Amino acid sequence: MPSTIQSDLINISQTETAGARSPARFAYQRNWALAELIEYHLKGKDYVFAFEFHDDILILDSEEDPSNLQFVQVKTKTTGEKWSVHELTKSEKGKKGNPDKLSIIGKLYENKKNFAAHSSQLRFVTNAYFSFVSPAPSIIADQLGKNEQDKIAKAVQAQLGISEVDLSCFKLEQSSLSVDDHEKHIRGILHNFFEELFGSEHNIPVSPWYQTISDQIKVKNNYPSDQIKTFDDLIRNKCITKTEVDDFVRRVNRSHNSSDNWDIIKAQLKSEGIVLQELVKLQRSWQKYTTDRLDYDNDALMSLERDIANAVSNGSLGDTPFLKEVISTVRKNTAKKLSQMESIFDSYYIDSIILWQYCEQL
């Protein structure tokens, strides 16, 4: 039976685990990936972004039936410095009898060699210019001068022990993200993303949403690759998919529409005799839940939220119940679930979920 991308991604050994990386370089890599992901989403493409699996970033063209692989290395330089062909192709001598270390291009091309049975592209992304070509957003390696093509091909052949090198699959890219203010840039991209989705009049604050999805990338990046045993493991633990981003966008929109309900809830609770100290604690929990609910990997919260939503939907709450009665009824109908969650979520946080779900279903 022929191999598939799904099986080969799991069965083919990763040649090198990630080495030490500065926080600044990882932050740049994370923000580049987020900017690229947003561009894919706005263009309506299907995608899966995997982090630190076979390379810095691996991009698949489908979650269900991938047919193409993109291996991406992201590297930065101090502003004003340039990449030379020598830097990209030099191999370091192995120490104490160990084999020589592959060059930057050698490591990237090794993915092409390992996944020769499948369609794949190689991308080297950087903030810096290349000294051997005129400034441009990107260039395919087979469009370089003959001298540069020969140097790259010979280096890859010698390092990987192969006879032919396909330079048409290898792209050199200069990212528009500045190494000095990339976080400011990505926040602007995210703001524009929301404008495309929700209109120019939206007042959705970018910072909490940026932090949420940025944290998700960190979690995926840091999940140990040696614990990935199946393609499903890969998707769940190392990847962000279009399906997840679609869900994220829906939850952002619903959060935006529902968060304004707090003022109405506050007024109603005050009329029902809830004291100031209780209101303050409940408001803090409401605000925390507003952000937490975007974390689609928080299984405990997602499970509790589903049970509360079902209890609100199926409960006999009447036409105009007091909010205290809503809380009491939903708590009674989810008592078993809440007993399992009381060590994770405090009572004010649970009440804020109940009130949120009640308002959302009105």
Protein backbone atom coordinates (compact mmCIF):
# COMPACT_ATOMS: atom_id res chain seq x y z
CA MET A 1 0.00 0.00 0.00
CA PRO A 2 1.49 3.41 -0.94
CA SER A 3 2.52 5.69 1.86
CA THR A 4 0.46 8.75 2.69
CA ILE A 5 1.52 12.14 3.99
CA GLN A 6 -0.29 11.37 7.24
CA SER A 7 1.64 8.13 7.83
CA ASP A 8 5.00 9.43 6.66
CA LEU A 9 4.86 12.49 8.90
CA ILE A 10 4.64 10.11 11.86
CA ASN A 11 6.90 7.30 10.66
CA ILE A 12 9.80 9.27 9.17
CA SER A 13 12.23 10.22 11.91
CA GLN A 14 12.92 13.85 12.54
CA THR A 15 16.56 14.37 11.83
CA GLU A 16 17.20 17.06 14.37
CA THR A 17 15.39 18.38 17.41
CA ALA A 18 15.21 22.13 17.92
CA GLY A 19 18.29 23.60 19.50
CA ALA A 20 18.58 26.56 21.80
CA ARG A 21 16.61 29.51 20.56
CA SER A 22 16.48 33.02 21.91
CA PRO A 23 13.11 34.33 23.10
CA ALA A 24 13.41 37.13 20.54
CA ARG A 25 13.87 34.72 17.63
CA PHE A 26 11.00 32.51 18.76
CA ALA A 27 8.73 35.56 19.17
CA TYR A 28 9.55 36.60 15.60
CA GLN A 29 8.93 33.08 14.29
CA ARG A 30 5.60 32.92 16.15
CA ASN A 31 4.43 36.26 14.79
CA TRP A 32 5.50 35.40 11.26
CA ALA A 33 3.49 32.18 11.46
CA LEU A 34 0.44 34.06 12.77
CA ALA A 35 0.69 36.64 9.97
CA GLU A 36 0.98 33.86 7.39
CA LEU A 37 -1.95 31.99 8.91
CA ILE A 38 -4.13 35.11 8.76
CA GLU A 39 -3.22 35.61 5.09
CA TYR A 40 -4.20 32.01 4.33
CA HIS A 41 -7.49 32.46 6.18
CA LEU A 42 -8.44 35.67 4.40
CA LYS A 43 -7.75 34.02 1.04
CA GLY A 44 -10.09 31.17 1.95
CA LYS A 45 -7.38 28.52 1.82
CA ASP A 46 -7.50 25.31 3.80
CA TYR A 47 -4.45 24.91 6.04
CA VAL A 48 -2.75 23.23 8.95
CA PHE A 49 0.23 24.91 10.65
CA ALA A 50 2.45 22.57 12.70
CA PHE A 51 5.12 23.99 15.00
CA GLU A 52 8.56 22.42 15.58
CA PHE A 53 7.70 19.23 13.73
CA HIS A 54 10.23 18.23 11.06
CA ASP A 55 11.12 21.94 10.83
CA ASP A 56 10.40 25.32 12.43
CA ILE A 57 6.98 25.39 10.76
CA LEU A 58 5.26 22.77 8.62
CA ILE A 59 2.25 23.83 6.55
CA LEU A 60 -0.21 21.27 5.16
CA ASP A 61 -2.93 22.07 2.64
CA SER A 62 -5.64 20.02 4.39
CA GLU A 63 -6.48 18.57 7.78
CA GLU A 64 -8.39 15.63 6.30
CA ASP A 65 -6.48 14.72 3.14
CA PRO A 66 -3.22 16.67 2.75
CA SER A 67 -1.49 16.47 -0.61
CA ASN A 68 1.26 19.06 -0.21
CA LEU A 69 3.91 19.91 2.39
CA GLN A 70 5.67 23.20 3.00
CA PHE A 71 8.73 23.12 5.24
CA VAL A 72 9.62 26.56 6.58
CA GLN A 73 12.73 27.76 8.38
CA VAL A 74 12.52 31.22 9.95
CA LYS A 75 15.76 32.96 10.89
CA THR A 76 16.57 36.53 11.86
CA LYS A 77 19.55 38.84 11.57
CA THR A 78 20.40 42.16 13.13
CA THR A 79 18.90 44.99 11.09
CA GLY A 80 21.23 45.90 8.21
CA GLU A 81 23.00 42.52 7.99
CA LYS A 82 22.64 40.30 4.91
CA TRP A 83 22.73 36.60 4.14
CA SER A 84 25.47 35.28 1.86
CA VAL A 85 25.42 32.02 -0.09
CA HIS A 86 28.34 30.88 2.07
CA GLU A 87 26.35 31.34 5.28
CA LEU A 88 23.41 29.42 3.89
CA THR A 89 25.49 26.49 2.60
CA LYS A 90 28.35 26.13 5.11
CA SER A 91 28.51 22.89 7.08
CA GLU A 92 30.00 22.78 10.56
CA LYS A 93 32.55 20.10 11.36
CA GLY A 94 31.23 17.46 13.75
CA LYS A 95 32.96 17.26 17.13
CA LYS A 96 34.38 14.13 18.77
CA GLY A 97 33.75 11.89 15.79
CA ASN A 98 30.17 13.02 15.24
CA PRO A 99 29.06 13.61 11.63
CA ASP A 100 29.26 17.09 10.20
CA LYS A 101 26.25 19.30 10.85
CA LEU A 102 24.15 20.16 7.84
CA SER A 103 24.05 23.71 6.57
CA ILE A 104 20.88 25.80 6.74
CA ILE A 105 19.93 24.84 3.21
CA GLY A 106 21.10 21.26 3.75
CA LYS A 107 18.75 20.80 6.72
CA LEU A 108 15.90 22.35 4.80
CA TYR A 109 16.52 20.21 1.70
CA GLU A 110 16.72 17.07 3.83
CA ASN A 111 12.96 17.37 4.20
CA LYS A 112 12.65 17.16 0.41
CA LYS A 113 14.79 14.03 0.46
CA ASN A 114 12.87 12.41 3.30
CA PHE A 115 9.47 13.12 1.76
CA ALA A 116 10.44 12.45 -1.86
CA ALA A 117 7.21 10.51 -2.40
CA HIS A 118 5.13 13.63 -1.85
CA SER A 119 4.78 17.13 -3.27
CA SER A 120 6.72 19.57 -1.12
CA GLN A 121 8.14 23.09 -1.08
CA LEU A 122 10.99 24.51 0.97
CA ARG A 123 10.89 28.07 2.30
CA PHE A 124 13.66 30.02 3.99
CA VAL A 125 12.14 33.11 5.63
CA THR A 126 14.12 35.96 7.14
CA ASN A 127 13.88 39.63 8.01
CA ALA A 128 17.19 40.35 6.26
CA TYR A 129 18.25 40.91 2.67
CA PHE A 130 20.29 38.47 0.59
CA SER A 131 23.66 39.76 -0.60
CA PHE A 132 23.55 37.76 -3.86
CA VAL A 133 20.26 39.01 -5.31
CA SER A 134 18.43 42.31 -5.74
CA PRO A 135 15.95 43.09 -2.92
CA ALA A 136 12.61 41.34 -3.53
CA PRO A 137 9.89 39.79 -1.35
CA SER A 138 10.86 36.33 -2.61
CA ILE A 139 12.82 34.47 -5.25
CA ILE A 140 12.92 30.83 -6.32
CA ALA A 141 16.42 29.37 -6.12
CA ASP A 142 16.39 28.28 -9.78
CA GLN A 143 16.06 31.96 -10.72
CA LEU A 144 19.36 32.90 -9.07
CA GLY A 145 22.56 33.44 -11.02
CA LYS A 146 24.25 30.29 -12.33
CA ASN A 147 27.15 30.69 -9.91
CA GLU A 148 24.83 30.83 -6.88
CA GLN A 149 22.75 27.91 -8.16
CA ASP A 150 25.87 25.79 -8.59
CA LYS A 151 27.15 26.59 -5.08
CA ILE A 152 23.81 25.66 -3.51
CA ALA A 153 23.39 22.47 -5.53
CA LYS A 154 26.94 21.25 -4.88
CA ALA A 155 26.66 21.92 -1.14
CA VAL A 156 23.37 20.02 -0.88
CA GLN A 157 24.70 17.12 -2.98
CA ALA A 158 27.82 16.79 -0.83
CA GLN A 159 25.98 17.09 2.52
CA LEU A 160 23.08 14.75 1.72
CA GLY A 161 24.81 12.34 -0.66
CA ILE A 162 22.36 12.86 -3.49
CA SER A 163 22.99 13.27 -7.21
CA GLU A 164 20.24 15.72 -8.18
CA VAL A 165 18.95 18.87 -6.50
CA ASP A 166 15.66 20.47 -7.50
CA LEU A 167 16.08 24.21 -6.91
CA SER A 168 12.61 24.99 -8.24
CA CYS A 169 11.07 23.87 -4.94
CA PHE A 170 13.24 26.16 -2.80
CA LYS A 171 12.13 29.73 -2.11
CA LEU A 172 14.09 32.50 -0.38
CA GLU A 173 11.79 35.05 1.26
CA GLN A 174 12.30 38.39 2.94
CA SER A 175 9.47 38.93 5.40
CA SER A 176 7.85 42.35 5.74
CA LEU A 177 7.86 41.87 9.52
CA SER A 178 10.59 44.02 11.05
CA VAL A 179 12.76 42.27 13.58
CA ASP A 180 12.57 45.34 15.82
CA ASP A 181 8.79 45.94 15.98
CA HIS A 182 7.18 42.75 14.71
CA GLU A 183 4.74 42.56 17.63
CA LYS A 184 3.35 46.00 16.81
CA HIS A 185 3.10 44.94 13.16
CA ILE A 186 1.23 41.70 13.92
CA ARG A 187 -1.26 43.55 16.12
CA GLY A 188 -1.99 45.80 13.16
CA ILE A 189 -2.47 42.73 10.95
CA LEU A 190 -4.83 41.22 13.51
CA HIS A 191 -6.82 44.49 13.70
CA ASN A 192 -7.18 44.47 9.91
CA PHE A 193 -8.20 40.80 10.11
CA PHE A 194 -11.06 41.73 12.45
CA GLU A 195 -12.05 44.59 10.13
CA GLU A 196 -12.30 42.14 7.24
CA LEU A 197 -14.45 39.81 9.32
CA PHE A 198 -16.58 42.17 11.41
CA GLY A 199 -16.50 45.50 9.56
CA SER A 200 -14.52 48.69 10.05
CA GLU A 201 -16.75 49.88 12.89
CA HIS A 202 -15.87 46.99 15.19
CA ASN A 203 -14.48 47.88 18.61
CA ILE A 204 -13.00 44.49 19.47
CA PRO A 205 -9.81 44.98 21.52
CA VAL A 206 -6.94 43.24 19.77
CA SER A 207 -4.62 42.59 22.74
CA PRO A 208 -6.52 39.81 24.56
CA TRP A 209 -7.23 37.96 21.31
CA TYR A 210 -3.61 38.29 20.18
CA GLN A 211 -2.44 36.96 23.54
CA THR A 212 -4.81 34.01 23.38
CA ILE A 213 -3.80 32.74 19.96
CA SER A 214 -0.14 33.59 20.56
CA ASP A 215 -0.24 31.45 23.71
CA GLN A 216 -1.78 28.63 21.69
CA ILE A 217 1.17 28.70 19.30
CA LYS A 218 3.58 28.55 22.27
CA VAL A 219 1.78 25.49 23.65
CA LYS A 220 1.83 23.72 20.27
CA ASN A 221 5.47 24.61 19.74
CA ASN A 222 6.55 23.25 23.12
CA TYR A 223 4.63 19.97 23.00
CA PRO A 224 7.24 17.17 22.81
CA SER A 225 7.45 15.76 19.30
CA ASP A 226 8.45 12.34 20.60
CA GLN A 227 4.99 12.01 22.14
CA ILE A 228 3.32 12.22 18.73
CA LYS A 229 2.29 8.69 17.79
CA THR A 230 -0.52 9.25 15.27
CA PHE A 231 -1.63 11.88 12.78
CA ASP A 232 -4.50 12.75 15.12
CA ASP A 233 -1.93 13.36 17.88
CA LEU A 234 -0.10 15.68 15.52
CA ILE A 235 -3.21 17.67 14.61
CA ARG A 236 -4.36 18.02 18.19
CA ASN A 237 -1.09 18.74 19.96
CA LYS A 238 1.26 20.40 17.46
CA CYS A 239 -1.03 22.16 14.99
CA ILE A 240 -3.42 25.03 14.48
CA THR A 241 -5.98 24.30 11.78
CA LYS A 242 -8.45 26.30 9.72
CA THR A 243 -11.27 24.55 11.59
CA GLU A 244 -9.91 25.82 14.90
CA VAL A 245 -9.45 29.36 13.60
CA ASP A 246 -13.00 29.35 12.21
CA ASP A 247 -14.20 28.37 15.68
CA PHE A 248 -11.95 31.01 17.25
CA VAL A 249 -13.45 33.69 14.98
CA ARG A 250 -16.98 32.60 15.87
CA ARG A 251 -16.17 32.75 19.56
CA VAL A 252 -14.55 36.18 19.22
CA ASN A 253 -17.70 37.44 17.52
CA ARG A 254 -19.99 35.91 20.11
CA SER A 255 -17.80 37.19 22.94
CA HIS A 256 -17.89 40.66 21.45
CA ASN A 257 -21.66 40.58 21.10
CA SER A 258 -22.26 39.09 24.54
CA SER A 259 -19.71 40.98 26.63
CA ASP A 260 -21.89 44.10 26.53
CA ASN A 261 -24.55 42.20 28.49
CA TRP A 262 -22.64 42.73 31.73
CA ASP A 263 -24.09 46.19 32.39
CA ILE A 264 -27.61 44.80 32.04
CA ILE A 265 -26.80 41.83 34.28
CA LYS A 266 -25.20 44.07 36.88
CA ALA A 267 -28.27 46.30 37.08
CA GLN A 268 -30.57 43.28 37.39
CA LEU A 269 -28.47 41.63 40.09
CA LYS A 270 -28.36 44.87 42.09
CA SER A 271 -32.15 45.05 41.95
CA GLU A 272 -32.22 41.47 43.27
CA GLY A 273 -30.15 42.48 46.29
CA ILE A 274 -26.69 41.24 45.32
CA VAL A 275 -24.18 43.24 47.40
CA LEU A 276 -21.26 45.21 45.96
CA GLN A 277 -18.56 42.75 47.04
CA GLU A 278 -20.35 39.93 45.22
CA LEU A 279 -20.83 42.04 42.10
CA VAL A 280 -17.13 42.96 41.95
CA LYS A 281 -16.05 39.31 42.22
CA LEU A 282 -18.59 38.26 39.63
CA GLN A 283 -17.52 41.00 37.22
CA ARG A 284 -13.88 39.94 37.48
CA SER A 285 -14.88 36.36 36.71
CA TRP A 286 -17.01 37.54 33.78
CA GLN A 287 -14.05 39.43 32.31
CA LYS A 288 -11.73 36.44 32.79
CA TYR A 289 -14.22 34.09 31.15
CA THR A 290 -14.53 36.51 28.20
CA THR A 291 -10.90 35.75 27.35
CA ASP A 292 -10.66 32.17 28.61
CA ARG A 293 -13.50 30.98 26.39
CA LEU A 294 -11.34 31.59 23.31
CA ASP A 295 -8.90 28.90 24.47
CA TYR A 296 -10.18 26.02 22.37
CA ASP A 297 -7.63 23.66 23.96
CA ASN A 298 -9.04 24.18 27.47
CA ASP A 299 -10.93 20.89 27.56
CA ALA A 300 -12.21 21.33 31.12
CA LEU A 301 -13.71 24.73 30.36
CA MET A 302 -15.19 23.59 27.05
CA SER A 303 -16.82 20.59 28.73
CA LEU A 304 -18.27 22.69 31.55
CA GLU A 305 -19.49 25.30 29.11
CA ARG A 306 -21.31 22.68 27.02
CA ASP A 307 -23.06 21.21 30.07
CA ILE A 308 -24.14 24.62 31.32
CA ALA A 309 -25.39 25.63 27.87
CA ASN A 310 -27.44 22.43 27.68
CA ALA A 311 -28.83 23.01 31.18
CA VAL A 312 -29.85 26.55 30.24
CA SER A 313 -31.45 25.32 27.03
CA ASN A 314 -33.31 22.44 28.64
CA GLY A 315 -34.14 24.00 31.99
CA SER A 316 -37.60 25.26 32.89
CA LEU A 317 -36.58 28.83 33.57
CA GLY A 318 -39.83 30.60 32.73
CA ASP A 319 -40.28 33.78 30.73
CA THR A 320 -38.92 36.37 33.16
CA PRO A 321 -36.95 34.62 35.92
CA PHE A 322 -34.75 36.39 38.41
CA LEU A 323 -31.09 35.87 37.61
CA LYS A 324 -30.52 34.36 41.06
CA GLU A 325 -33.14 31.75 40.16
CA VAL A 326 -31.42 31.05 36.84
CA ILE A 327 -28.14 30.42 38.64
CA SER A 328 -29.80 28.22 41.25
CA THR A 329 -31.71 26.13 38.69
CA VAL A 330 -28.73 25.59 36.38
CA ARG A 331 -26.50 24.72 39.33
CA LYS A 332 -29.04 22.13 40.49
CA ASN A 333 -29.26 20.60 37.01
CA THR A 334 -25.48 20.40 36.63
CA ALA A 335 -24.64 19.46 40.22
CA LYS A 336 -22.72 16.31 39.32
CA LYS A 337 -20.59 18.14 36.75
CA LEU A 338 -19.94 21.06 39.09
CA SER A 339 -18.76 18.73 41.85
CA GLN A 340 -16.08 17.49 39.44
CA MET A 341 -15.03 21.01 38.49
CA GLU A 342 -15.04 22.80 41.83
CA SER A 343 -11.29 22.29 42.25
CA ILE A 344 -10.67 24.02 38.89
CA PHE A 345 -13.25 26.84 38.75
CA ASP A 346 -14.50 28.91 41.68
CA SER A 347 -18.17 29.64 42.27
CA TYR A 348 -18.10 33.17 40.83
CA TYR A 349 -16.49 31.92 37.63
CA ILE A 350 -19.14 29.22 37.27
CA ASP A 351 -21.91 31.75 37.89
CA SER A 352 -20.47 34.02 35.20
CA ILE A 353 -20.62 31.12 32.70
CA ILE A 354 -24.23 30.44 33.65
CA LEU A 355 -25.21 34.10 33.21
CA TRP A 356 -23.29 34.36 29.93
CA GLN A 357 -24.95 31.28 28.48
CA TYR A 358 -28.37 32.41 29.66
CA CYS A 359 -28.02 35.81 27.97
CA GLU A 360 -26.63 34.21 24.82
CA GLN A 361 -29.73 32.03 24.48
CA LEU A 362 -32.29 34.78 25.04
